[in-house]
Amino acid sequence: MKPRYLIGLVLIIVIAALSFMMLDESSIEYADLDRAARLGKTVQVVGTWVKEDGSSYDAASNLFSFRMKDEQGKQIDVVLEGAKPNNFEIATSIVVKGRIEGSTLKASNVLTKCPSKYEGQASDLKAS
């Protein structure tokens, strides 16, 4: 085999391997809190805000913190670098994207799912 073809083949294999590794690292999966702790990487956790424990925002350090409960009922403190997400108080569920460090979920993003303004309309139409 010509050296030129051999170099080309090795280069293609290296590029394919690097692409696969980068794709694997960029994928963020959904996990519960136990799995997130075991994985030790950035994941998305679905849950609810534990309203009884409140929430707080520290303007000096720009940190928003609250306590969340995942779908299995396990609770953890969440710290988000940034302001409180929109509609946080009325959210029916939240999705926290982040990584568990110690006993805290360090969030890079918090998404809120709010009740739909159209939820009650289907039943209202049937009653008419």
Protein backbone atom coordinates (compact mmCIF):
# COMPACT_ATOMS: atom_id res chain seq x y z
CA MET A 1 0.00 0.00 0.00
CA LYS A 2 1.27 3.44 -0.89
CA PRO A 3 2.34 5.61 2.06
CA ARG A 4 -0.04 8.34 0.90
CA TYR A 5 -3.05 5.99 1.22
CA LEU A 6 -1.86 4.73 4.59
CA ILE A 7 -1.56 8.29 5.95
CA GLY A 8 -5.02 9.13 4.58
CA LEU A 9 -6.55 6.04 6.20
CA VAL A 10 -4.94 6.81 9.59
CA LEU A 11 -6.13 10.41 9.34
CA ILE A 12 -9.73 9.31 8.61
CA ILE A 13 -9.68 6.92 11.59
CA VAL A 14 -8.35 9.63 13.93
CA ILE A 15 -10.96 12.16 12.77
CA ALA A 16 -13.76 9.59 13.19
CA ALA A 17 -12.57 8.69 16.72
CA LEU A 18 -12.34 12.35 17.75
CA SER A 19 -15.80 13.07 16.33
CA PHE A 20 -17.31 10.18 18.27
CA MET A 21 -15.69 11.30 21.53
CA MET A 22 -16.86 14.90 21.07
CA LEU A 23 -20.40 13.78 20.27
CA ASP A 24 -20.47 11.52 23.34
CA GLU A 25 -19.31 14.36 25.62
CA SER A 26 -21.82 16.85 24.23
CA SER A 27 -24.85 14.63 24.77
CA ILE A 28 -26.67 15.42 27.98
CA GLU A 29 -29.00 12.73 29.26
CA TYR A 30 -31.90 12.84 31.67
CA ALA A 31 -31.26 11.21 35.04
CA ASP A 32 -32.64 11.04 38.54
CA LEU A 33 -30.49 12.35 41.41
CA ASP A 34 -28.99 8.94 42.28
CA ARG A 35 -27.89 8.32 38.69
CA ALA A 36 -26.61 11.89 38.35
CA ALA A 37 -24.39 11.38 41.42
CA ARG A 38 -23.04 8.11 40.00
CA LEU A 39 -22.35 9.54 36.54
CA GLY A 40 -20.48 12.59 37.81
CA LYS A 41 -21.15 14.55 34.63
CA THR A 42 -23.62 17.16 33.45
CA VAL A 43 -27.16 15.78 33.26
CA GLN A 44 -30.74 17.03 33.24
CA VAL A 45 -32.89 16.26 36.27
CA VAL A 46 -36.69 16.61 36.22
CA GLY A 47 -38.41 17.45 39.47
CA THR A 48 -40.27 20.02 41.51
CA TRP A 49 -39.33 22.90 43.78
CA VAL A 50 -39.73 22.13 47.50
CA LYS A 51 -41.70 25.29 48.27
CA GLU A 52 -41.62 24.76 52.04
CA ASP A 53 -37.84 25.28 52.01
CA GLY A 54 -38.13 28.52 50.04
CA SER A 55 -35.60 29.99 47.66
CA SER A 56 -33.07 32.78 47.86
CA TYR A 57 -31.12 35.08 45.58
CA ASP A 58 -27.80 36.62 46.60
CA ALA A 59 -27.28 39.70 44.45
CA ALA A 60 -23.66 40.16 45.57
CA SER A 61 -22.59 36.76 44.23
CA ASN A 62 -25.40 36.45 41.63
CA LEU A 63 -26.49 33.04 42.99
CA PHE A 64 -30.03 31.70 43.10
CA SER A 65 -30.57 28.69 45.37
CA PHE A 66 -33.48 26.42 46.18
CA ARG A 67 -34.26 22.82 47.10
CA MET A 68 -35.69 20.39 44.55
CA LYS A 69 -37.24 16.94 44.67
CA ASP A 70 -36.77 14.53 41.75
CA GLU A 71 -39.44 12.15 40.44
CA GLN A 72 -38.29 9.44 42.90
CA GLY A 73 -38.73 11.79 45.87
CA LYS A 74 -35.03 12.38 46.60
CA GLN A 75 -34.16 15.98 47.51
CA ILE A 76 -31.07 18.11 46.87
CA ASP A 77 -29.99 21.74 47.19
CA VAL A 78 -29.61 23.48 43.82
CA VAL A 79 -27.39 26.51 43.16
CA LEU A 80 -27.73 28.43 39.90
CA GLU A 81 -25.28 31.14 38.92
CA GLY A 82 -27.70 33.77 37.76
CA ALA A 83 -31.11 35.22 38.49
CA LYS A 84 -34.27 33.34 39.37
CA PRO A 85 -35.90 31.80 36.25
CA ASN A 86 -39.11 33.34 34.94
CA ASN A 87 -42.33 31.96 36.42
CA PHE A 88 -40.41 29.95 39.01
CA GLU A 89 -43.08 30.34 41.69
CA ILE A 90 -45.91 29.00 39.51
CA ALA A 91 -43.98 26.19 37.80
CA THR A 92 -45.57 22.75 37.95
CA SER A 93 -42.18 21.14 37.32
CA ILE A 94 -38.58 22.15 36.66
CA VAL A 95 -35.71 20.73 34.63
CA VAL A 96 -32.28 21.42 36.08
CA LYS A 97 -29.25 21.03 33.83
CA GLY A 98 -26.10 20.66 35.88
CA ARG A 99 -23.66 18.48 37.77
CA ILE A 100 -23.69 17.18 41.33
CA GLU A 101 -20.76 18.42 43.39
CA GLY A 102 -20.75 17.10 46.94
CA SER A 103 -24.27 17.46 48.27
CA THR A 104 -25.28 20.26 45.87
CA LEU A 105 -26.51 20.28 42.30
CA LYS A 106 -24.57 23.08 40.55
CA ALA A 107 -26.97 24.19 37.82
CA SER A 108 -26.00 25.79 34.56
CA ASN A 109 -29.63 26.18 33.51
CA VAL A 110 -33.09 25.84 35.09
CA LEU A 111 -36.16 25.47 32.89
CA THR A 112 -39.66 25.88 34.29
CA LYS A 113 -42.81 24.15 33.08
CA CYS A 114 -45.82 26.26 33.91
CA PRO A 115 -49.48 25.31 33.85
CA SER A 116 -50.97 25.89 30.43
CA LYS A 117 -53.57 28.59 30.05
CA TYR A 118 -55.42 26.17 27.75
CA GLU A 119 -55.62 23.25 30.23
CA GLY A 120 -59.15 23.89 31.48
CA GLN A 121 -60.64 24.93 28.15
CA ALA A 122 -61.20 21.43 26.71
CA SER A 123 -63.40 20.41 29.63
CA ASP A 124 -65.18 23.78 29.56
CA LEU A 125 -66.11 23.27 25.89
CA LYS A 126 -67.56 19.80 26.58
CA ALA A 127 -69.75 21.15 29.38
CA SER A 128 -71.34 23.77 27.11
